C-alpha atoms as a PDB file:
ATOM      1  CA  MET A   1     100.090  61.076 211.895  1.00  0.00           C
ATOM      2  CA  LEU A   2     101.978  64.229 212.868  1.00  0.00           C
ATOM      3  CA  LEU A   3     104.519  65.054 210.156  1.00  0.00           C
ATOM      4  CA  ASN A   4     106.290  68.103 211.556  1.00  0.00           C
ATOM      5  CA  VAL A   5     106.853  67.975 215.322  1.00  0.00           C
ATOM      6  CA  HIS A   6     109.356  70.268 217.039  1.00  0.00           C
ATOM      7  CA  SER A   7     110.645  69.723 220.550  1.00  0.00           C
ATOM      8  CA  TYR A   8     111.925  72.393 222.902  1.00  0.00           C
ATOM      9  CA  TYR A   9     115.336  71.783 221.324  1.00  0.00           C
ATOM     10  CA  SER A  10     114.048  73.826 218.346  1.00  0.00           C
ATOM     11  CA  LEU A  11     114.532  77.241 219.846  1.00  0.00           C
ATOM     12  CA  ARG A  12     111.415  79.452 219.509  1.00  0.00           C
ATOM     13  CA  TYR A  13     109.478  76.724 217.660  1.00  0.00           C
ATOM     14  CA  GLY A  14     108.872  73.924 220.170  1.00  0.00           C
ATOM     15  CA  ARG A  15     107.809  74.592 223.720  1.00  0.00           C
ATOM     16  CA  LEU A  16     106.485  71.311 225.081  1.00  0.00           C
ATOM     17  CA  SER A  17     108.466  68.563 226.771  1.00  0.00           C
ATOM     18  CA  PHE A  18     108.567  65.075 225.288  1.00  0.00           C
ATOM     19  CA  GLU A  19     106.324  63.868 228.091  1.00  0.00           C
ATOM     20  CA  GLN A  20     103.662  66.433 227.161  1.00  0.00           C
ATOM     21  CA  LYS A  21     103.966  65.702 223.427  1.00  0.00           C
ATOM     22  CA  VAL A  22     103.507  61.954 223.943  1.00  0.00           C
ATOM     23  CA  GLN A  23     100.575  62.563 226.292  1.00  0.00           C
ATOM     24  CA  ASP A  24      98.915  64.864 223.731  1.00  0.00           C
ATOM     25  CA  MET A  25      99.497  62.340 220.932  1.00  0.00           C
ATOM     26  CA  MET A  26      97.772  59.633 222.919  1.00  0.00           C
ATOM     27  CA  GLN A  27      94.911  61.925 223.992  1.00  0.00           C
ATOM     28  CA  PHE A  28      94.125  63.046 220.436  1.00  0.00           C
ATOM     29  CA  GLY A  29      94.544  59.617 218.820  1.00  0.00           C
ATOM     30  CA  ASN A  30      97.762  60.222 216.880  1.00  0.00           C
ATOM     31  CA  ASP A  31      99.617  56.950 216.421  1.00  0.00           C
ATOM     32  CA  THR A  32     102.769  58.291 214.709  1.00  0.00           C
ATOM     33  CA  ALA A  33     104.899  61.434 214.894  1.00  0.00           C
ATOM     34  CA  VAL A  34     107.978  62.630 213.034  1.00  0.00           C
ATOM     35  CA  LEU A  35     110.357  64.717 215.142  1.00  0.00           C
ATOM     36  CA  THR A  36     111.823  67.379 212.836  1.00  0.00           C
ATOM     37  CA  ASP A  37     113.750  69.766 215.051  1.00  0.00           C
ATOM     38  CA  ILE A  38     115.303  72.724 213.294  1.00  0.00           C
ATOM     39  CA  ASN A  39     119.020  72.251 212.538  1.00  0.00           C
ATOM     40  CA  TYR A  40     119.263  69.799 215.438  1.00  0.00           C
ATOM     41  CA  SER A  41     119.069  66.020 215.738  1.00  0.00           C
ATOM     42  CA  SER A  42     120.327  65.219 219.245  1.00  0.00           C
ATOM     43  CA  ALA A  43     116.830  64.937 220.702  1.00  0.00           C
ATOM     44  CA  VAL A  44     115.837  62.057 218.410  1.00  0.00           C
ATOM     45  CA  VAL A  45     117.079  59.241 220.659  1.00  0.00           C
ATOM     46  CA  ASP A  46     115.225  60.568 223.696  1.00  0.00           C
ATOM     47  CA  PHE A  47     112.035  61.067 221.683  1.00  0.00           C
ATOM     48  CA  VAL A  48     112.153  57.554 220.196  1.00  0.00           C
ATOM     49  CA  LEU A  49     112.790  55.942 223.587  1.00  0.00           C
ATOM     50  CA  ARG A  50     109.921  57.824 225.243  1.00  0.00           C
ATOM     51  CA  THR A  51     107.409  57.041 222.510  1.00  0.00           C
ATOM     52  CA  ARG A  52     108.477  53.400 222.346  1.00  0.00           C
ATOM     53  CA  ASP A  53     107.708  52.972 226.052  1.00  0.00           C
ATOM     54  CA  GLN A  54     104.270  54.594 225.783  1.00  0.00           C
ATOM     55  CA  GLY A  55     102.880  53.244 222.517  1.00  0.00           C
ATOM     56  CA  PRO A  56     103.033  55.714 219.620  1.00  0.00           C
ATOM     57  CA  ASN A  57     105.348  55.180 216.663  1.00  0.00           C
ATOM     58  CA  SER A  58     108.109  57.705 216.157  1.00  0.00           C
ATOM     59  CA  LEU A  59     110.260  58.679 213.205  1.00  0.00           C
ATOM     60  CA  ALA A  60     113.257  60.990 212.964  1.00  0.00           C
ATOM     61  CA  GLY A  61     113.912  63.822 210.573  1.00  0.00           C
ATOM     62  CA  MET A  62     115.411  67.296 210.548  1.00  0.00           C
ATOM     63  CA  GLU A  63     114.301  70.651 209.230  1.00  0.00           C
ATOM     64  CA  PHE A  64     117.170  72.662 207.764  1.00  0.00           C
ATOM     65  CA  ARG A  65     116.975  76.451 207.946  1.00  0.00           C
ATOM     66  CA  ASN A  66     119.317  79.268 207.076  1.00  0.00           C
ATOM     67  CA  ASP A  67     118.321  82.114 209.377  1.00  0.00           C
ATOM     68  CA  ASN A  68     114.536  81.893 209.004  1.00  0.00           C
ATOM     69  CA  GLU A  69     114.540  80.519 205.455  1.00  0.00           C
ATOM     70  CA  LEU A  70     113.590  76.879 204.957  1.00  0.00           C
ATOM     71  CA  ILE A  71     116.210  75.093 202.870  1.00  0.00           C
END
């Protein structure tokens, strides 16, 4: 299980597309991932739909930060 996954919607923290993340999850045997973009939740629907079609389980969360400080 991957507990802290950032997409490219998390500026400077996530660089891979959803397609690449799902492919990597499957390749390395991860069956579940939690998308926790920083101060952003709009990518959740796309992530859930893509993982649902390809097998892995997906959960939604959010990481709140004030500047670079984790809240």
